PDB file of N, CA and C in Angstrom:
ATOM      1  N   MET A   1      -0.731  16.159 -20.293  1.00  0.00           N
ATOM      2  CA  MET A   1      -1.102  15.981 -18.956  1.00  0.00           C
ATOM      3  C   MET A   1      -0.303  15.605 -17.877  1.00  0.00           C
ATOM      4  N   THR A   2       0.940  16.012 -16.895  1.00  0.00           N
ATOM      5  CA  THR A   2       2.213  15.838 -16.308  1.00  0.00           C
ATOM      6  C   THR A   2       1.573  14.806 -14.925  1.00  0.00           C
ATOM      7  N   GLN A   3       2.316  13.463 -14.892  1.00  0.00           N
ATOM      8  CA  GLN A   3       1.963  12.961 -13.445  1.00  0.00           C
ATOM      9  C   GLN A   3       2.324  12.663 -12.310  1.00  0.00           C
ATOM     10  N   ASN A   4       2.237  12.990 -11.190  1.00  0.00           N
ATOM     11  CA  ASN A   4       3.434  12.901 -10.283  1.00  0.00           C
ATOM     12  C   ASN A   4       3.525  11.463 -10.324  1.00  0.00           C
ATOM     13  N   LYS A   5       4.934  11.505 -10.122  1.00  0.00           N
ATOM     14  CA  LYS A   5       5.233   9.601  -9.820  1.00  0.00           C
ATOM     15  C   LYS A   5       6.110   9.453  -8.332  1.00  0.00           C
ATOM     16  N   ASN A   6       6.114   8.530  -8.148  1.00  0.00           N
ATOM     17  CA  ASN A   6       6.853   7.871  -6.519  1.00  0.00           C
ATOM     18  C   ASN A   6       8.023   6.987  -7.604  1.00  0.00           C
ATOM     19  N   ARG A   7       9.224   7.284  -7.110  1.00  0.00           N
ATOM     20  CA  ARG A   7      10.259   6.138  -7.121  1.00  0.00           C
ATOM     21  C   ARG A   7      10.617   5.158  -5.796  1.00  0.00           C
ATOM     22  N   LYS A   8       9.957   4.174  -6.284  1.00  0.00           N
ATOM     23  CA  LYS A   8      10.429   3.253  -5.411  1.00  0.00           C
ATOM     24  C   LYS A   8      11.153   2.247  -5.840  1.00  0.00           C
ATOM     25  N   GLU A   9      12.465   1.493  -4.833  1.00  0.00           N
ATOM     26  CA  GLU A   9      13.026   0.828  -5.550  1.00  0.00           C
ATOM     27  C   GLU A   9      12.404  -0.661  -5.248  1.00  0.00           C
ATOM     28  N   VAL A  10      12.863  -1.732  -5.586  1.00  0.00           N
ATOM     29  CA  VAL A  10      12.488  -3.060  -5.412  1.00  0.00           C
ATOM     30  C   VAL A  10      13.255  -3.842  -5.812  1.00  0.00           C
ATOM     31  N   THR A  11      14.473  -4.680  -5.070  1.00  0.00           N
ATOM     32  CA  THR A  11      15.025  -5.887  -5.016  1.00  0.00           C
ATOM     33  C   THR A  11      14.130  -7.461  -5.454  1.00  0.00           C
ATOM     34  N   LEU A  12      14.839  -7.773  -6.424  1.00  0.00           N
ATOM     35  CA  LEU A  12      13.945  -9.132  -6.725  1.00  0.00           C
ATOM     36  C   LEU A  12      15.379 -10.115  -6.727  1.00  0.00           C
ATOM     37  N   ASP A  13      15.021 -10.712  -7.129  1.00  0.00           N
ATOM     38  CA  ASP A  13      15.819 -11.988  -6.911  1.00  0.00           C
ATOM     39  C   ASP A  13      16.193 -12.415  -8.521  1.00  0.00           C
ATOM     40  N   PRO A  14      17.714 -13.537  -9.048  1.00  0.00           N
ATOM     41  CA  PRO A  14      17.280 -13.646 -10.445  1.00  0.00           C
ATOM     42  C   PRO A  14      16.667 -14.374 -10.714  1.00  0.00           C
ATOM     43  N   GLN A  15      16.353 -15.181 -10.700  1.00  0.00           N
ATOM     44  CA  GLN A  15      15.159 -15.856 -10.894  1.00  0.00           C
ATOM     45  C   GLN A  15      13.491 -15.268 -11.301  1.00  0.00           C
ATOM     46  N   THR A  16      13.328 -14.846 -10.329  1.00  0.00           N
ATOM     47  CA  THR A  16      12.032 -13.711 -10.339  1.00  0.00           C
ATOM     48  C   THR A  16      12.364 -12.811 -11.682  1.00  0.00           C
ATOM     49  N   LEU A  17      12.903 -12.014 -12.274  1.00  0.00           N
ATOM     50  CA  LEU A  17      13.438 -11.047 -12.522  1.00  0.00           C
ATOM     51  C   LEU A  17      13.521 -11.809 -14.206  1.00  0.00           C
ATOM     52  N   SER A  18      13.896 -13.041 -14.604  1.00  0.00           N
ATOM     53  CA  SER A  18      14.029 -13.550 -15.697  1.00  0.00           C
ATOM     54  C   SER A  18      12.372 -14.736 -15.924  1.00  0.00           C
ATOM     55  N   LEU A  19      11.967 -14.287 -15.129  1.00  0.00           N
ATOM     56  CA  LEU A  19      10.440 -15.097 -15.361  1.00  0.00           C
ATOM     57  C   LEU A  19       9.363 -14.080 -15.383  1.00  0.00           C
ATOM     58  N   LEU A  20       9.875 -12.771 -14.826  1.00  0.00           N
ATOM     59  CA  LEU A  20       9.166 -11.758 -14.826  1.00  0.00           C
ATOM     60  C   LEU A  20      10.076 -10.933 -16.720  1.00  0.00           C
ATOM     61  N   GLN A  21      11.067 -11.240 -16.973  1.00  0.00           N
ATOM     62  CA  GLN A  21      11.353 -10.935 -18.468  1.00  0.00           C
ATOM     63  C   GLN A  21      10.661 -11.668 -19.370  1.00  0.00           C
ATOM     64  N   ILE A  22      10.512 -12.327 -19.393  1.00  0.00           N
ATOM     65  CA  ILE A  22      10.258 -13.961 -20.066  1.00  0.00           C
ATOM     66  C   ILE A  22       9.156 -12.890 -20.522  1.00  0.00           C
ATOM     67  N   GLN A  23       7.707 -13.055 -19.512  1.00  0.00           N
ATOM     68  CA  GLN A  23       6.732 -13.015 -19.748  1.00  0.00           C
ATOM     69  C   GLN A  23       6.480 -11.034 -20.483  1.00  0.00           C
ATOM     70  N   ALA A  24       7.024 -10.764 -20.000  1.00  0.00           N
ATOM     71  CA  ALA A  24       7.420  -8.920 -20.171  1.00  0.00           C
ATOM     72  C   ALA A  24       7.960  -9.477 -22.510  1.00  0.00           C
ATOM     73  N   ASP A  25       9.137  -9.915 -22.241  1.00  0.00           N
ATOM     74  CA  ASP A  25       8.744 -10.304 -23.817  1.00  0.00           C
ATOM     75  C   ASP A  25       7.422 -10.990 -24.321  1.00  0.00           C
ATOM     76  N   GLN A  26       7.100 -11.580 -24.337  1.00  0.00           N
ATOM     77  CA  GLN A  26       5.868 -12.217 -24.297  1.00  0.00           C
ATOM     78  C   GLN A  26       4.760 -11.333 -24.719  1.00  0.00           C
ATOM     79  N   GLN A  27       4.888  -9.461 -24.039  1.00  0.00           N
ATOM     80  CA  GLN A  27       4.128  -9.150 -24.311  1.00  0.00           C
ATOM     81  C   GLN A  27       4.157  -8.073 -25.097  1.00  0.00           C
ATOM     82  N   GLY A  28       5.303  -8.344 -25.639  1.00  0.00           N
ATOM     83  CA  GLY A  28       6.574  -7.301 -26.168  1.00  0.00           C
ATOM     84  C   GLY A  28       6.989  -5.874 -25.402  1.00  0.00           C
ATOM     85  N   ARG A  29       6.529  -5.773 -24.485  1.00  0.00           N
ATOM     86  CA  ARG A  29       6.974  -4.672 -23.115  1.00  0.00           C
ATOM     87  C   ARG A  29       8.728  -4.457 -22.601  1.00  0.00           C
ATOM     88  N   LYS A  30       9.084  -3.704 -22.471  1.00  0.00           N
ATOM     89  CA  LYS A  30      10.465  -3.483 -21.801  1.00  0.00           C
ATOM     90  C   LYS A  30       9.966  -4.187 -20.339  1.00  0.00           C
ATOM     91  N   LEU A  31      10.864  -4.513 -19.478  1.00  0.00           N
ATOM     92  CA  LEU A  31      10.347  -4.759 -17.935  1.00  0.00           C
ATOM     93  C   LEU A  31      10.143  -3.797 -17.004  1.00  0.00           C
ATOM     94  N   LYS A  32      10.431  -2.744 -17.318  1.00  0.00           N
ATOM     95  CA  LYS A  32       9.623  -2.216 -16.733  1.00  0.00           C
ATOM     96  C   LYS A  32       8.332  -1.235 -16.936  1.00  0.00           C
ATOM     97  N   ASN A  33       9.063  -1.614 -17.233  1.00  0.00           N
ATOM     98  CA  ASN A  33       7.155  -1.177 -17.991  1.00  0.00           C
ATOM     99  C   ASN A  33       6.312  -1.617 -17.613  1.00  0.00           C
ATOM    100  N   TYR A  34       6.119  -3.483 -18.674  1.00  0.00           N
ATOM    101  CA  TYR A  34       6.110  -4.282 -17.834  1.00  0.00           C
ATOM    102  C   TYR A  34       5.480  -4.863 -16.205  1.00  0.00           C
ATOM    103  N   MET A  35       6.382  -4.831 -15.114  1.00  0.00           N
ATOM    104  CA  MET A  35       6.430  -4.889 -14.064  1.00  0.00           C
ATOM    105  C   MET A  35       5.061  -3.325 -13.527  1.00  0.00           C
ATOM    106  N   GLU A  36       5.069  -2.821 -13.958  1.00  0.00           N
ATOM    107  CA  GLU A  36       4.586  -0.869 -13.595  1.00  0.00           C
ATOM    108  C   GLU A  36       3.191  -1.834 -13.759  1.00  0.00           C
ATOM    109  N   GLN A  37       3.115  -2.183 -14.699  1.00  0.00           N
ATOM    110  CA  GLN A  37       1.345  -2.652 -15.777  1.00  0.00           C
ATOM    111  C   GLN A  37       1.108  -3.533 -14.734  1.00  0.00           C
ATOM    112  N   VAL A  38       1.852  -5.031 -14.372  1.00  0.00           N
ATOM    113  CA  VAL A  38       0.976  -5.558 -13.241  1.00  0.00           C
ATOM    114  C   VAL A  38       0.774  -5.183 -11.906  1.00  0.00           C
ATOM    115  N   LEU A  39       2.016  -3.766 -11.490  1.00  0.00           N
ATOM    116  CA  LEU A  39       1.067  -3.454 -10.414  1.00  0.00           C
ATOM    117  C   LEU A  39      -0.102  -2.331 -10.301  1.00  0.00           C
ATOM    118  N   LYS A  40      -0.273  -2.317 -11.513  1.00  0.00           N
ATOM    119  CA  LYS A  40      -0.740  -1.145 -11.401  1.00  0.00           C
ATOM    120  C   LYS A  40      -2.561  -1.744 -11.212  1.00  0.00           C
ATOM    121  N   GLU A  41      -2.262  -3.302 -11.612  1.00  0.00           N
ATOM    122  CA  GLU A  41      -3.553  -3.695 -12.293  1.00  0.00           C
ATOM    123  C   GLU A  41      -3.875  -4.948 -10.826  1.00  0.00           C
ATOM    124  N   GLN A  42      -2.680  -5.250  -9.771  1.00  0.00           N
ATOM    125  CA  GLN A  42      -2.619  -5.914  -8.982  1.00  0.00           C
ATOM    126  C   GLN A  42      -3.452  -4.577  -7.523  1.00  0.00           C
ATOM    127  N   ALA A  43      -3.159  -3.548  -8.124  1.00  0.00           N
ATOM    128  CA  ALA A  43      -3.473  -2.509  -6.996  1.00  0.00           C
ATOM    129  C   ALA A  43      -4.725  -2.279  -7.293  1.00  0.00           C
ATOM    130  N   ASN A  44      -4.793  -2.014  -8.481  1.00  0.00           N
ATOM    131  CA  ASN A  44      -6.583  -1.973  -8.859  1.00  0.00           C
ATOM    132  C   ASN A  44      -7.553  -3.301  -9.015  1.00  0.00           C
ATOM    133  N   ARG A  45      -7.234  -3.735  -8.070  1.00  0.00           N
ATOM    134  CA  ARG A  45      -7.941  -5.604  -7.691  1.00  0.00           C
ATOM    135  C   ARG A  45      -8.959  -4.710  -6.564  1.00  0.00           C
ATOM    136  N   PHE A  46      -7.963  -4.536  -5.694  1.00  0.00           N
ATOM    137  CA  PHE A  46      -7.987  -4.025  -4.337  1.00  0.00           C
ATOM    138  C   PHE A  46      -9.207  -3.758  -3.883  1.00  0.00           C
ATOM    139  N   GLU A  47     -10.412  -4.193  -3.009  1.00  0.00           N
ATOM    140  CA  GLU A  47     -11.641  -3.887  -2.838  1.00  0.00           C
ATOM    141  C   GLU A  47     -11.294  -3.885  -0.988  1.00  0.00           C
ATOM    142  N   LEU A  48     -12.488  -3.134  -0.726  1.00  0.00           N
ATOM    143  CA  LEU A  48     -12.390  -2.911   1.240  1.00  0.00           C
ATOM    144  C   LEU A  48     -13.325  -3.772   1.066  1.00  0.00           C
ATOM    145  N   THR A  49     -13.089  -4.664   2.388  1.00  0.00           N
ATOM    146  CA  THR A  49     -14.479  -5.918   2.734  1.00  0.00           C
ATOM    147  C   THR A  49     -15.209  -5.040   3.309  1.00  0.00           C
ATOM    148  N   ASP A  50     -16.890  -5.828   3.232  1.00  0.00           N
ATOM    149  CA  ASP A  50     -17.654  -5.164   4.144  1.00  0.00           C
ATOM    150  C   ASP A  50     -17.595  -4.962   5.900  1.00  0.00           C
ATOM    151  N   GLU A  51     -16.117  -5.820   6.495  1.00  0.00           N
ATOM    152  CA  GLU A  51     -16.171  -5.726   7.827  1.00  0.00           C
ATOM    153  C   GLU A  51     -15.353  -4.673   7.694  1.00  0.00           C
ATOM    154  N   TYR A  52     -14.753  -3.944   6.677  1.00  0.00           N
ATOM    155  CA  TYR A  52     -13.543  -2.449   6.659  1.00  0.00           C
ATOM    156  C   TYR A  52     -14.604  -1.872   6.857  1.00  0.00           C
ATOM    157  N   LYS A  53     -15.525  -1.540   6.198  1.00  0.00           N
ATOM    158  CA  LYS A  53     -16.071  -0.280   5.721  1.00  0.00           C
ATOM    159  C   LYS A  53     -17.117  -0.436   7.129  1.00  0.00           C
ATOM    160  N   SER A  54     -17.732  -1.203   7.589  1.00  0.00           N
ATOM    161  CA  SER A  54     -18.140  -1.044   8.753  1.00  0.00           C
ATOM    162  C   SER A  54     -17.536  -0.688  10.050  1.00  0.00           C
ATOM    163  N   MET A  55     -16.404  -1.262  10.140  1.00  0.00           N
ATOM    164  CA  MET A  55     -15.315  -0.824  11.313  1.00  0.00           C
ATOM    165  C   MET A  55     -15.002   0.816  11.141  1.00  0.00           C
ATOM    166  N   MET A  56     -14.677   1.131   9.853  1.00  0.00           N
ATOM    167  CA  MET A  56     -14.512   2.904   9.379  1.00  0.00           C
ATOM    168  C   MET A  56     -15.454   3.644   9.683  1.00  0.00           C
ATOM    169  N   ASP A  57     -17.096   3.161   9.520  1.00  0.00           N
ATOM    170  CA  ASP A  57     -18.133   3.843  10.093  1.00  0.00           C
ATOM    171  C   ASP A  57     -18.050   4.027  11.164  1.00  0.00           C
ATOM    172  N   GLU A  58     -17.707   2.815  11.673  1.00  0.00           N
ATOM    173  CA  GLU A  58     -17.918   3.217  13.222  1.00  0.00           C
ATOM    174  C   GLU A  58     -17.200   3.670  13.447  1.00  0.00           C
ATOM    175  N   MET A  59     -15.822   4.066  13.591  1.00  0.00           N
ATOM    176  CA  MET A  59     -14.762   4.797  14.228  1.00  0.00           C
ATOM    177  C   MET A  59     -15.504   5.966  14.037  1.00  0.00           C
ATOM    178  N   LEU A  60     -15.654   6.448  12.735  1.00  0.00           N
ATOM    179  CA  LEU A  60     -16.253   8.236  11.885  1.00  0.00           C
ATOM    180  C   LEU A  60     -17.154   8.325  13.173  1.00  0.00           C
ATOM    181  N   ASP A  61     -18.332   7.262  12.732  1.00  0.00           N
ATOM    182  CA  ASP A  61     -19.155   7.533  13.579  1.00  0.00           C
ATOM    183  C   ASP A  61     -18.641   8.347  14.992  1.00  0.00           C
ATOM    184  N   LYS A  62     -17.767   7.225  15.706  1.00  0.00           N
ATOM    185  CA  LYS A  62     -17.110   7.866  17.876  1.00  0.00           C
ATOM    186  C   LYS A  62     -16.413   9.159  17.533  1.00  0.00           C
ATOM    187  N   HIS A  63     -15.463   9.592  15.949  1.00  0.00           N
ATOM    188  CA  HIS A  63     -14.961  10.675  15.932  1.00  0.00           C
ATOM    189  C   HIS A  63     -16.778  11.806  15.735  1.00  0.00           C
ATOM    190  N   TYR A  64     -16.812  12.009  14.883  1.00  0.00           N
ATOM    191  CA  TYR A  64     -18.027  13.139  14.542  1.00  0.00           C
ATOM    192  C   TYR A  64     -18.958  13.535  16.245  1.00  0.00           C
ATOM    193  N   ASN A  65     -18.833  12.094  16.536  1.00  0.00           N
ATOM    194  CA  ASN A  65     -19.603  12.269  18.215  1.00  0.00           C
ATOM    195  C   ASN A  65     -19.114  13.206  19.043  1.00  0.00           C
ATOM    196  N   GLY A  66     -17.364  12.574  18.991  1.00  0.00           N
ATOM    197  CA  GLY A  66     -16.610  13.098  20.251  1.00  0.00           C
ATOM    198  C   GLY A  66     -16.359  12.174  21.330  1.00  0.00           C
ATOM    199  N   GLN A  67     -16.277  10.745  20.580  1.00  0.00           N
ATOM    200  CA  GLN A  67     -16.118   9.611  21.619  1.00  0.00           C
ATOM    201  C   GLN A  67     -14.865   9.126  21.751  1.00  0.00           C
ATOM    202  N   LEU A  68     -13.867   9.578  21.100  1.00  0.00           N
ATOM    203  CA  LEU A  68     -12.826   9.266  20.744  1.00  0.00           C
ATOM    204  C   LEU A  68     -11.808   9.434  21.375  1.00  0.00           C
ATOM    205  N   ASN A  69     -10.646   8.858  22.390  1.00  0.00           N
ATOM    206  CA  ASN A  69      -9.558  10.367  22.980  1.00  0.00           C
ATOM    207  C   ASN A  69      -8.177   9.594  22.192  1.00  0.00           C
ATOM    208  N   TYR A  70      -8.166  10.900  21.173  1.00  0.00           N
ATOM    209  CA  TYR A  70      -6.450  11.295  20.842  1.00  0.00           C
ATOM    210  C   TYR A  70      -5.641  11.516  21.065  1.00  0.00           C
ATOM    211  N   ILE A  71      -4.217  11.232  21.280  1.00  0.00           N
ATOM    212  CA  ILE A  71      -3.264  11.811  22.252  1.00  0.00           C
ATOM    213  C   ILE A  71      -2.073  12.037  21.221  1.00  0.00           C
ATOM    214  N   SER A  72      -1.143  12.964  21.510  1.00  0.00           N
ATOM    215  CA  SER A  72       0.296  13.165  20.374  1.00  0.00           C
ATOM    216  C   SER A  72       1.213  12.387  20.302  1.00  0.00           C
ATOM    217  N   GLU A  73       1.867  12.494  19.031  1.00  0.00           N
ATOM    218  CA  GLU A  73       2.450  11.071  18.677  1.00  0.00           C
ATOM    219  C   GLU A  73       4.014  10.614  19.598  1.00  0.00           C
ATOM    220  N   ASP A  74       4.003  11.844  20.008  1.00  0.00           N
ATOM    221  CA  ASP A  74       4.885  11.887  21.631  1.00  0.00           C
ATOM    222  C   ASP A  74       3.955  10.532  22.983  1.00  0.00           C
ATOM    223  N   ALA A  75       2.824  11.204  23.117  1.00  0.00           N
ATOM    224  CA  ALA A  75       2.595  10.701  24.577  1.00  0.00           C
ATOM    225  C   ALA A  75       2.507   9.317  24.059  1.00  0.00           C
ATOM    226  N   PHE A  76       1.962   8.998  22.268  1.00  0.00           N
ATOM    227  CA  PHE A  76       2.027   7.867  22.064  1.00  0.00           C
ATOM    228  C   PHE A  76       3.324   7.036  22.087  1.00  0.00           C
ATOM    229  N   ARG A  77       4.184   7.492  21.534  1.00  0.00           N
ATOM    230  CA  ARG A  77       5.777   6.719  21.950  1.00  0.00           C
ATOM    231  C   ARG A  77       5.955   6.565  23.103  1.00  0.00           C
ATOM    232  N   LYS A  78       5.945   7.127  24.078  1.00  0.00           N
ATOM    233  CA  LYS A  78       6.268   7.145  25.810  1.00  0.00           C
ATOM    234  C   LYS A  78       5.259   6.431  26.265  1.00  0.00           C
ATOM    235  N   LEU A  79       4.288   5.911  26.049  1.00  0.00           N
ATOM    236  CA  LEU A  79       3.526   4.609  26.527  1.00  0.00           C
ATOM    237  C   LEU A  79       3.579   3.662  25.670  1.00  0.00           C
ATOM    238  N   THR A  80       3.875   3.230  24.916  1.00  0.00           N
ATOM    239  CA  THR A  80       4.539   2.183  23.938  1.00  0.00           C
ATOM    240  C   THR A  80       6.484   2.053  23.874  1.00  0.00           C
ATOM    241  N   ALA A  81       6.834   2.987  24.731  1.00  0.00           N
ATOM    242  CA  ALA A  81       8.515   2.897  24.522  1.00  0.00           C
ATOM    243  C   ALA A  81       8.291   1.048  25.409  1.00  0.00           C
ATOM    244  N   ILE A  82       9.961   0.765  25.093  1.00  0.00           N
ATOM    245  CA  ILE A  82       9.829  -0.712  25.671  1.00  0.00           C
ATOM    246  C   ILE A  82      10.942  -0.388  26.625  1.00  0.00           C
ATOM    247  N   LYS A  83      10.316  -0.414  28.499  1.00  0.00           N
ATOM    248  CA  LYS A  83      10.817  -0.191  29.185  1.00  0.00           C
ATOM    249  C   LYS A  83      12.339  -1.066  29.471  1.00  0.00           C
ATOM    250  N   LYS A  84      13.624  -0.381  29.919  1.00  0.00           N
ATOM    251  CA  LYS A  84      14.752  -1.023  29.548  1.00  0.00           C
ATOM    252  C   LYS A  84      14.781  -1.399  31.754  1.00  0.00           C
TER     253      LYS A  84
END
């Protein structure tokens, strides 16, 4: 089974890399593999708050009831452009 993966560049200071290398060595992993595992674990800890869920439910209700006014990206950029 092939997984689609995105490549991202991360720049870390030497001290951080050294500490991560020590932890990777303790687990018998390569540094890259260890960092990927740490990031996966962190991402999987994410939980939506009740406040966020309520806000999204309210926004979806407004969307389905036609109570939201959408504008194009161009219109948004014009409204938010900094005047010189």
